[in-house]
PDB file of N, CA and C in Angstrom:
ATOM      1  N   MET A   1     -45.474 -25.526  50.893  1.00  0.00           N
ATOM      2  CA  MET A   1     -45.226 -24.112  50.974  1.00  0.00           C
ATOM      3  C   MET A   1     -46.439 -23.403  51.580  1.00  0.00           C
ATOM      4  N   GLY A   2     -47.625 -23.806  51.166  1.00  0.00           N
ATOM      5  CA  GLY A   2     -48.827 -23.195  51.718  1.00  0.00           C
ATOM      6  C   GLY A   2     -48.980 -23.463  53.204  1.00  0.00           C
ATOM      7  N   LEU A   3     -48.627 -24.681  53.633  1.00  0.00           N
ATOM      8  CA  LEU A   3     -48.697 -25.011  55.058  1.00  0.00           C
ATOM      9  C   LEU A   3     -47.732 -24.147  55.864  1.00  0.00           C
ATOM     10  N   GLY A   4     -46.526 -23.982  55.357  1.00  0.00           N
ATOM     11  CA  GLY A   4     -45.545 -23.136  56.047  1.00  0.00           C
ATOM     12  C   GLY A   4     -45.995 -21.695  56.151  1.00  0.00           C
ATOM     13  N   LEU A   5     -46.571 -21.173  55.087  1.00  0.00           N
ATOM     14  CA  LEU A   5     -47.075 -19.797  55.117  1.00  0.00           C
ATOM     15  C   LEU A   5     -48.273 -19.658  56.046  1.00  0.00           C
ATOM     16  N   GLY A   6     -49.114 -20.695  56.118  1.00  0.00           N
ATOM     17  CA  GLY A   6     -50.250 -20.669  57.043  1.00  0.00           C
ATOM     18  C   GLY A   6     -49.805 -20.663  58.487  1.00  0.00           C
ATOM     19  N   ILE A   7     -48.830 -21.491  58.804  1.00  0.00           N
ATOM     20  CA  ILE A   7     -48.274 -21.512  60.166  1.00  0.00           C
ATOM     21  C   ILE A   7     -47.695 -20.148  60.510  1.00  0.00           C
ATOM     22  N   ALA A   8     -46.977 -19.563  59.578  1.00  0.00           N
ATOM     23  CA  ALA A   8     -46.365 -18.254  59.807  1.00  0.00           C
ATOM     24  C   ALA A   8     -47.419 -17.166  60.008  1.00  0.00           C
ATOM     25  N   GLY A   9     -48.513 -17.246  59.279  1.00  0.00           N
ATOM     26  CA  GLY A   9     -49.575 -16.244  59.423  1.00  0.00           C
ATOM     27  C   GLY A   9     -50.222 -16.287  60.787  1.00  0.00           C
ATOM     28  N   VAL A  10     -50.491 -17.486  61.291  1.00  0.00           N
ATOM     29  CA  VAL A  10     -51.081 -17.623  62.623  1.00  0.00           C
ATOM     30  C   VAL A  10     -50.107 -17.118  63.685  1.00  0.00           C
ATOM     31  N   LEU A  11     -48.840 -17.468  63.539  1.00  0.00           N
ATOM     32  CA  LEU A  11     -47.830 -17.013  64.490  1.00  0.00           C
ATOM     33  C   LEU A  11     -47.700 -15.494  64.459  1.00  0.00           C
ATOM     34  N   SER A  12     -47.781 -14.916  63.290  1.00  0.00           N
ATOM     35  CA  SER A  12     -47.649 -13.472  63.149  1.00  0.00           C
ATOM     36  C   SER A  12     -48.750 -12.719  63.897  1.00  0.00           C
ATOM     37  N   LEU A  13     -49.962 -13.245  63.857  1.00  0.00           N
ATOM     38  CA  LEU A  13     -51.058 -12.610  64.594  1.00  0.00           C
ATOM     39  C   LEU A  13     -50.792 -12.607  66.096  1.00  0.00           C
ATOM     40  N   ALA A  14     -50.310 -13.720  66.612  1.00  0.00           N
ATOM     41  CA  ALA A  14     -50.051 -13.828  68.046  1.00  0.00           C
ATOM     42  C   ALA A  14     -48.876 -12.947  68.473  1.00  0.00           C
ATOM     43  N   VAL A  15     -47.834 -12.919  67.659  1.00  0.00           N
ATOM     44  CA  VAL A  15     -46.651 -12.129  68.006  1.00  0.00           C
ATOM     45  C   VAL A  15     -46.965 -10.636  67.974  1.00  0.00           C
ATOM     46  N   GLY A  16     -47.787 -10.210  67.041  1.00  0.00           N
ATOM     47  CA  GLY A  16     -48.133  -8.791  66.927  1.00  0.00           C
ATOM     48  C   GLY A  16     -48.778  -8.243  68.185  1.00  0.00           C
ATOM     49  N   VAL A  17     -49.663  -9.017  68.795  1.00  0.00           N
ATOM     50  CA  VAL A  17     -50.335  -8.572  70.014  1.00  0.00           C
ATOM     51  C   VAL A  17     -49.337  -8.447  71.163  1.00  0.00           C
ATOM     52  N   GLY A  18     -48.481  -9.454  71.316  1.00  0.00           N
ATOM     53  CA  GLY A  18     -47.496  -9.420  72.397  1.00  0.00           C
ATOM     54  C   GLY A  18     -46.493  -8.290  72.253  1.00  0.00           C
ATOM     55  N   VAL A  19     -46.033  -8.062  71.055  1.00  0.00           N
ATOM     56  CA  VAL A  19     -45.052  -6.998  70.825  1.00  0.00           C
ATOM     57  C   VAL A  19     -45.703  -5.626  70.951  1.00  0.00           C
ATOM     58  N   GLY A  20     -46.975  -5.522  70.641  1.00  0.00           N
ATOM     59  CA  GLY A  20     -47.675  -4.257  70.846  1.00  0.00           C
ATOM     60  C   GLY A  20     -47.684  -3.852  72.318  1.00  0.00           C
ATOM     61  N   HIS A  21     -47.924  -4.815  73.190  1.00  0.00           N
ATOM     62  CA  HIS A  21     -47.872  -4.538  74.629  1.00  0.00           C
ATOM     63  C   HIS A  21     -46.446  -4.199  75.069  1.00  0.00           C
ATOM     64  N   LEU A  22     -45.466  -4.910  74.516  1.00  0.00           N
ATOM     65  CA  LEU A  22     -44.071  -4.627  74.844  1.00  0.00           C
ATOM     66  C   LEU A  22     -43.677  -3.222  74.394  1.00  0.00           C
ATOM     67  N   ALA A  23     -44.137  -2.810  73.232  1.00  0.00           N
ATOM     68  CA  ALA A  23     -43.823  -1.468  72.732  1.00  0.00           C
ATOM     69  C   ALA A  23     -44.446  -0.396  73.618  1.00  0.00           C
ATOM     70  N   ASP A  24     -45.612  -0.674  74.177  1.00  0.00           N
ATOM     71  CA  ASP A  24     -46.229   0.291  75.082  1.00  0.00           C
ATOM     72  C   ASP A  24     -45.435   0.427  76.378  1.00  0.00           C
ATOM     73  N   ARG A  25     -44.853  -0.659  76.851  1.00  0.00           N
ATOM     74  CA  ARG A  25     -44.115  -0.613  78.120  1.00  0.00           C
ATOM     75  C   ARG A  25     -42.680  -0.160  77.958  1.00  0.00           C
ATOM     76  N   ARG A  26     -41.982  -0.632  76.922  1.00  0.00           N
ATOM     77  CA  ARG A  26     -40.555  -0.385  76.764  1.00  0.00           C
ATOM     78  C   ARG A  26     -40.213   0.785  75.856  1.00  0.00           C
ATOM     79  N   GLY A  27     -41.140   1.215  75.077  1.00  0.00           N
ATOM     80  CA  GLY A  27     -40.867   2.272  74.107  1.00  0.00           C
ATOM     81  C   GLY A  27     -40.907   1.715  72.695  1.00  0.00           C
ATOM     82  N   ALA A  28     -41.696   2.323  71.886  1.00  0.00           N
ATOM     83  CA  ALA A  28     -41.956   1.792  70.547  1.00  0.00           C
ATOM     84  C   ALA A  28     -40.754   1.922  69.619  1.00  0.00           C
ATOM     85  N   ARG A  29     -39.958   2.933  69.816  1.00  0.00           N
ATOM     86  CA  ARG A  29     -38.854   3.172  68.886  1.00  0.00           C
ATOM     87  C   ARG A  29     -37.820   2.049  68.916  1.00  0.00           C
ATOM     88  N   GLY A  30     -37.392   1.656  70.101  1.00  0.00           N
ATOM     89  CA  GLY A  30     -36.413   0.582  70.222  1.00  0.00           C
ATOM     90  C   GLY A  30     -36.965  -0.764  69.797  1.00  0.00           C
ATOM     91  N   VAL A  31     -38.224  -1.021  70.137  1.00  0.00           N
ATOM     92  CA  VAL A  31     -38.853  -2.281  69.750  1.00  0.00           C
ATOM     93  C   VAL A  31     -39.003  -2.345  68.236  1.00  0.00           C
ATOM     94  N   TYR A  32     -39.364  -1.254  67.618  1.00  0.00           N
ATOM     95  CA  TYR A  32     -39.503  -1.221  66.165  1.00  0.00           C
ATOM     96  C   TYR A  32     -38.154  -1.460  65.486  1.00  0.00           C
ATOM     97  N   ALA A  33     -37.107  -0.856  66.015  1.00  0.00           N
ATOM     98  CA  ALA A  33     -35.771  -1.072  65.455  1.00  0.00           C
ATOM     99  C   ALA A  33     -35.362  -2.543  65.573  1.00  0.00           C
ATOM    100  N   ALA A  34     -35.694  -3.165  66.696  1.00  0.00           N
ATOM    101  CA  ALA A  34     -35.372  -4.582  66.875  1.00  0.00           C
ATOM    102  C   ALA A  34     -36.145  -5.454  65.897  1.00  0.00           C
ATOM    103  N   THR A  35     -37.401  -5.116  65.638  1.00  0.00           N
ATOM    104  CA  THR A  35     -38.180  -5.919  64.691  1.00  0.00           C
ATOM    105  C   THR A  35     -37.622  -5.780  63.272  1.00  0.00           C
ATOM    106  N   LEU A  36     -37.128  -4.608  62.931  1.00  0.00           N
ATOM    107  CA  LEU A  36     -36.519  -4.435  61.610  1.00  0.00           C
ATOM    108  C   LEU A  36     -35.252  -5.277  61.476  1.00  0.00           C
ATOM    109  N   LEU A  37     -34.467  -5.351  62.546  1.00  0.00           N
ATOM    110  CA  LEU A  37     -33.258  -6.170  62.527  1.00  0.00           C
ATOM    111  C   LEU A  37     -33.603  -7.655  62.390  1.00  0.00           C
ATOM    112  N   VAL A  38     -34.576  -8.108  63.153  1.00  0.00           N
ATOM    113  CA  VAL A  38     -34.997  -9.512  63.066  1.00  0.00           C
ATOM    114  C   VAL A  38     -35.543  -9.817  61.674  1.00  0.00           C
ATOM    115  N   GLN A  39     -36.298  -8.888  61.128  1.00  0.00           N
ATOM    116  CA  GLN A  39     -36.856  -9.093  59.784  1.00  0.00           C
ATOM    117  C   GLN A  39     -35.745  -9.186  58.741  1.00  0.00           C
ATOM    118  N   ALA A  40     -34.720  -8.381  58.860  1.00  0.00           N
ATOM    119  CA  ALA A  40     -33.600  -8.440  57.914  1.00  0.00           C
ATOM    120  C   ALA A  40     -32.853  -9.765  58.029  1.00  0.00           C
ATOM    121  N   LEU A  41     -32.602 -10.214  59.254  1.00  0.00           N
ATOM    122  CA  LEU A  41     -31.906 -11.482  59.452  1.00  0.00           C
ATOM    123  C   LEU A  41     -32.748 -12.664  58.964  1.00  0.00           C
ATOM    124  N   ALA A  42     -34.046 -12.602  59.206  1.00  0.00           N
ATOM    125  CA  ALA A  42     -34.921 -13.681  58.764  1.00  0.00           C
ATOM    126  C   ALA A  42     -35.009 -13.738  57.248  1.00  0.00           C
ATOM    127  N   THR A  43     -35.022 -12.587  56.611  1.00  0.00           N
ATOM    128  CA  THR A  43     -35.048 -12.559  55.150  1.00  0.00           C
ATOM    129  C   THR A  43     -33.750 -13.135  54.581  1.00  0.00           C
ATOM    130  N   ALA A  44     -32.635 -12.841  55.225  1.00  0.00           N
ATOM    131  CA  ALA A  44     -31.365 -13.432  54.806  1.00  0.00           C
ATOM    132  C   ALA A  44     -31.370 -14.940  55.054  1.00  0.00           C
ATOM    133  N   GLY A  45     -32.124 -15.391  56.044  1.00  0.00           N
ATOM    134  CA  GLY A  45     -32.214 -16.810  56.340  1.00  0.00           C
ATOM    135  C   GLY A  45     -32.885 -17.624  55.251  1.00  0.00           C
ATOM    136  N   PHE A  46     -33.624 -16.982  54.373  1.00  0.00           N
ATOM    137  CA  PHE A  46     -34.241 -17.706  53.256  1.00  0.00           C
ATOM    138  C   PHE A  46     -33.185 -18.335  52.343  1.00  0.00           C
ATOM    139  N   MET A  47     -31.999 -17.753  52.305  1.00  0.00           N
ATOM    140  CA  MET A  47     -30.947 -18.319  51.463  1.00  0.00           C
ATOM    141  C   MET A  47     -30.466 -19.669  51.989  1.00  0.00           C
ATOM    142  N   LEU A  48     -30.659 -19.904  53.292  1.00  0.00           N
ATOM    143  CA  LEU A  48     -30.204 -21.154  53.884  1.00  0.00           C
ATOM    144  C   LEU A  48     -31.279 -22.221  53.926  1.00  0.00           C
ATOM    145  N   ALA A  49     -32.494 -21.874  53.590  1.00  0.00           N
ATOM    146  CA  ALA A  49     -33.610 -22.814  53.658  1.00  0.00           C
ATOM    147  C   ALA A  49     -33.580 -23.742  52.453  1.00  0.00           C
ATOM    148  N   ASP A  50     -33.209 -24.995  52.705  1.00  0.00           N
ATOM    149  CA  ASP A  50     -33.136 -25.964  51.617  1.00  0.00           C
ATOM    150  C   ASP A  50     -34.123 -27.118  51.778  1.00  0.00           C
ATOM    151  N   SER A  51     -34.939 -27.069  52.826  1.00  0.00           N
ATOM    152  CA  SER A  51     -35.990 -28.071  53.015  1.00  0.00           C
ATOM    153  C   SER A  51     -37.160 -27.406  53.736  1.00  0.00           C
ATOM    154  N   PHE A  52     -38.148 -28.209  54.107  1.00  0.00           N
ATOM    155  CA  PHE A  52     -39.393 -27.658  54.640  1.00  0.00           C
ATOM    156  C   PHE A  52     -39.200 -26.936  55.971  1.00  0.00           C
ATOM    157  N   TRP A  53     -38.582 -27.573  56.956  1.00  0.00           N
ATOM    158  CA  TRP A  53     -38.510 -26.964  58.293  1.00  0.00           C
ATOM    159  C   TRP A  53     -37.643 -25.710  58.346  1.00  0.00           C
ATOM    160  N   PRO A  54     -36.496 -25.655  57.692  1.00  0.00           N
ATOM    161  CA  PRO A  54     -35.780 -24.373  57.659  1.00  0.00           C
ATOM    162  C   PRO A  54     -36.594 -23.259  56.988  1.00  0.00           C
ATOM    163  N   PHE A  55     -37.374 -23.628  55.961  1.00  0.00           N
ATOM    164  CA  PHE A  55     -38.250 -22.640  55.327  1.00  0.00           C
ATOM    165  C   PHE A  55     -39.299 -22.142  56.313  1.00  0.00           C
ATOM    166  N   VAL A  56     -39.897 -23.070  57.076  1.00  0.00           N
ATOM    167  CA  VAL A  56     -40.926 -22.678  58.052  1.00  0.00           C
ATOM    168  C   VAL A  56     -40.324 -21.757  59.106  1.00  0.00           C
ATOM    169  N   VAL A  57     -39.135 -22.065  59.577  1.00  0.00           N
ATOM    170  CA  VAL A  57     -38.483 -21.206  60.581  1.00  0.00           C
ATOM    171  C   VAL A  57     -38.218 -19.814  60.001  1.00  0.00           C
ATOM    172  N   ALA A  58     -37.702 -19.772  58.782  1.00  0.00           N
ATOM    173  CA  ALA A  58     -37.390 -18.478  58.169  1.00  0.00           C
ATOM    174  C   ALA A  58     -38.645 -17.663  57.907  1.00  0.00           C
ATOM    175  N   VAL A  59     -39.686 -18.297  57.383  1.00  0.00           N
ATOM    176  CA  VAL A  59     -40.899 -17.546  57.064  1.00  0.00           C
ATOM    177  C   VAL A  59     -41.631 -17.144  58.356  1.00  0.00           C
ATOM    178  N   CYS A  60     -41.579 -17.969  59.393  1.00  0.00           N
ATOM    179  CA  CYS A  60     -42.190 -17.589  60.672  1.00  0.00           C
ATOM    180  C   CYS A  60     -41.470 -16.387  61.283  1.00  0.00           C
ATOM    181  N   ALA A  61     -40.142 -16.414  61.229  1.00  0.00           N
ATOM    182  CA  ALA A  61     -39.386 -15.289  61.768  1.00  0.00           C
ATOM    183  C   ALA A  61     -39.647 -14.018  60.964  1.00  0.00           C
ATOM    184  N   ALA A  62     -39.692 -14.130  59.650  1.00  0.00           N
ATOM    185  CA  ALA A  62     -39.895 -12.948  58.812  1.00  0.00           C
ATOM    186  C   ALA A  62     -41.295 -12.365  58.984  1.00  0.00           C
ATOM    187  N   THR A  63     -42.316 -13.199  58.934  1.00  0.00           N
ATOM    188  CA  THR A  63     -43.676 -12.668  59.072  1.00  0.00           C
ATOM    189  C   THR A  63     -43.986 -12.277  60.509  1.00  0.00           C
ATOM    190  N   GLY A  64     -43.408 -12.980  61.467  1.00  0.00           N
ATOM    191  CA  GLY A  64     -43.583 -12.584  62.861  1.00  0.00           C
ATOM    192  C   GLY A  64     -42.983 -11.214  63.130  1.00  0.00           C
ATOM    193  N   ALA A  65     -41.785 -10.990  62.592  1.00  0.00           N
ATOM    194  CA  ALA A  65     -41.151  -9.683  62.748  1.00  0.00           C
ATOM    195  C   ALA A  65     -41.918  -8.598  62.004  1.00  0.00           C
ATOM    196  N   LYS A  66     -42.496  -8.944  60.862  1.00  0.00           N
ATOM    197  CA  LYS A  66     -43.297  -7.962  60.113  1.00  0.00           C
ATOM    198  C   LYS A  66     -44.540  -7.570  60.903  1.00  0.00           C
ATOM    199  N   GLY A  67     -45.252  -8.565  61.445  1.00  0.00           N
ATOM    200  CA  GLY A  67     -46.437  -8.270  62.262  1.00  0.00           C
ATOM    201  C   GLY A  67     -46.083  -7.508  63.518  1.00  0.00           C
ATOM    202  N   ALA A  68     -44.964  -7.881  64.132  1.00  0.00           N
ATOM    203  CA  ALA A  68     -44.521  -7.179  65.331  1.00  0.00           C
ATOM    204  C   ALA A  68     -44.125  -5.741  65.007  1.00  0.00           C
ATOM    205  N   GLY A  69     -43.493  -5.555  63.850  1.00  0.00           N
ATOM    206  CA  GLY A  69     -43.101  -4.207  63.445  1.00  0.00           C
ATOM    207  C   GLY A  69     -44.301  -3.309  63.208  1.00  0.00           C
ATOM    208  N   LEU A  70     -45.344  -3.866  62.622  1.00  0.00           N
ATOM    209  CA  LEU A  70     -46.557  -3.067  62.411  1.00  0.00           C
ATOM    210  C   LEU A  70     -47.190  -2.680  63.743  1.00  0.00           C
ATOM    211  N   ALA A  71     -47.166  -3.593  64.706  1.00  0.00           N
ATOM    212  CA  ALA A  71     -47.726  -3.294  66.025  1.00  0.00           C
ATOM    213  C   ALA A  71     -46.877  -2.271  66.764  1.00  0.00           C
ATOM    214  N   ALA A  72     -45.564  -2.325  66.593  1.00  0.00           N
ATOM    215  CA  ALA A  72     -44.681  -1.376  67.275  1.00  0.00           C
ATOM    216  C   ALA A  72     -44.659  -0.020  66.575  1.00  0.00           C
ATOM    217  N   ARG A  73     -44.953   0.001  65.289  1.00  0.00           N
ATOM    218  CA  ARG A  73     -44.921   1.254  64.536  1.00  0.00           C
ATOM    219  C   ARG A  73     -46.141   2.128  64.821  1.00  0.00           C
ATOM    220  N   SER A  74     -47.247   1.519  65.162  1.00  0.00           N
ATOM    221  CA  SER A  74     -48.481   2.280  65.382  1.00  0.00           C
ATOM    222  C   SER A  74     -48.352   3.339  66.473  1.00  0.00           C
ATOM    223  N   PRO A  75     -47.753   3.034  67.642  1.00  0.00           N
ATOM    224  CA  PRO A  75     -47.593   4.103  68.635  1.00  0.00           C
ATOM    225  C   PRO A  75     -46.691   5.240  68.165  1.00  0.00           C
ATOM    226  N   ILE A  76     -45.724   4.922  67.319  1.00  0.00           N
ATOM    227  CA  ILE A  76     -44.849   5.978  66.793  1.00  0.00           C
ATOM    228  C   ILE A  76     -45.645   6.903  65.878  1.00  0.00           C
ATOM    229  N   ILE A  77     -46.473   6.329  65.023  1.00  0.00           N
ATOM    230  CA  ILE A  77     -47.293   7.138  64.131  1.00  0.00           C
ATOM    231  C   ILE A  77     -48.272   7.969  64.947  1.00  0.00           C
ATOM    232  N   ARG A  78     -48.863   7.371  65.965  1.00  0.00           N
ATOM    233  CA  ARG A  78     -49.823   8.097  66.808  1.00  0.00           C
ATOM    234  C   ARG A  78     -49.146   9.239  67.547  1.00  0.00           C
ATOM    235  N   HIS A  79     -47.904   9.013  67.998  1.00  0.00           N
ATOM    236  CA  HIS A  79     -47.182  10.051  68.737  1.00  0.00           C
ATOM    237  C   HIS A  79     -46.848  11.247  67.839  1.00  0.00           C
ATOM    238  N   TYR A  80     -46.289  10.978  66.663  1.00  0.00           N
ATOM    239  CA  TYR A  80     -45.864  12.062  65.798  1.00  0.00           C
ATOM    240  C   TYR A  80     -46.972  12.595  64.902  1.00  0.00           C
ATOM    241  N   GLY A  81     -47.978  11.788  64.657  1.00  0.00           N
ATOM    242  CA  GLY A  81     -49.050  12.199  63.754  1.00  0.00           C
ATOM    243  C   GLY A  81     -50.126  13.044  64.424  1.00  0.00           C
ATOM    244  N   GLY A  82     -50.180  12.979  65.736  1.00  0.00           N
ATOM    245  CA  GLY A  82     -51.216  13.723  66.440  1.00  0.00           C
ATOM    246  C   GLY A  82     -52.576  13.082  66.277  1.00  0.00           C
ATOM    247  N   SER A  83     -53.603  13.888  66.290  1.00  0.00           N
ATOM    248  CA  SER A  83     -54.955  13.360  66.233  1.00  0.00           C
ATOM    249  C   SER A  83     -55.364  12.949  64.816  1.00  0.00           C
ATOM    250  N   ARG A  84     -54.658  13.472  63.815  1.00  0.00           N
ATOM    251  CA  ARG A  84     -54.995  13.132  62.417  1.00  0.00           C
ATOM    252  C   ARG A  84     -53.734  12.711  61.664  1.00  0.00           C
ATOM    253  N   PRO A  85     -53.253  11.494  61.909  1.00  0.00           N
ATOM    254  CA  PRO A  85     -52.031  11.059  61.223  1.00  0.00           C
ATOM    255  C   PRO A  85     -52.321  10.793  59.773  1.00  0.00           C
TER     256      PRO A  85
END
């Protein structure tokens, strides 16, 4: 379980950077909505994880979407929050 969570954590860091650039180019609102959808589906995928590799796939998708969502949410907060969010 610890190995799977470690793999997911490393993947989450890499995905967050890429999605942050995508949110800057495509628009943060749509990208953020997509990350929420992926996160919901990945969380539902935990019910199907009955061995190590399905668990790793589910936890990678869930934490990757969480990291990506945080990266996509930042421009939205900056836009609506102004100089002092």
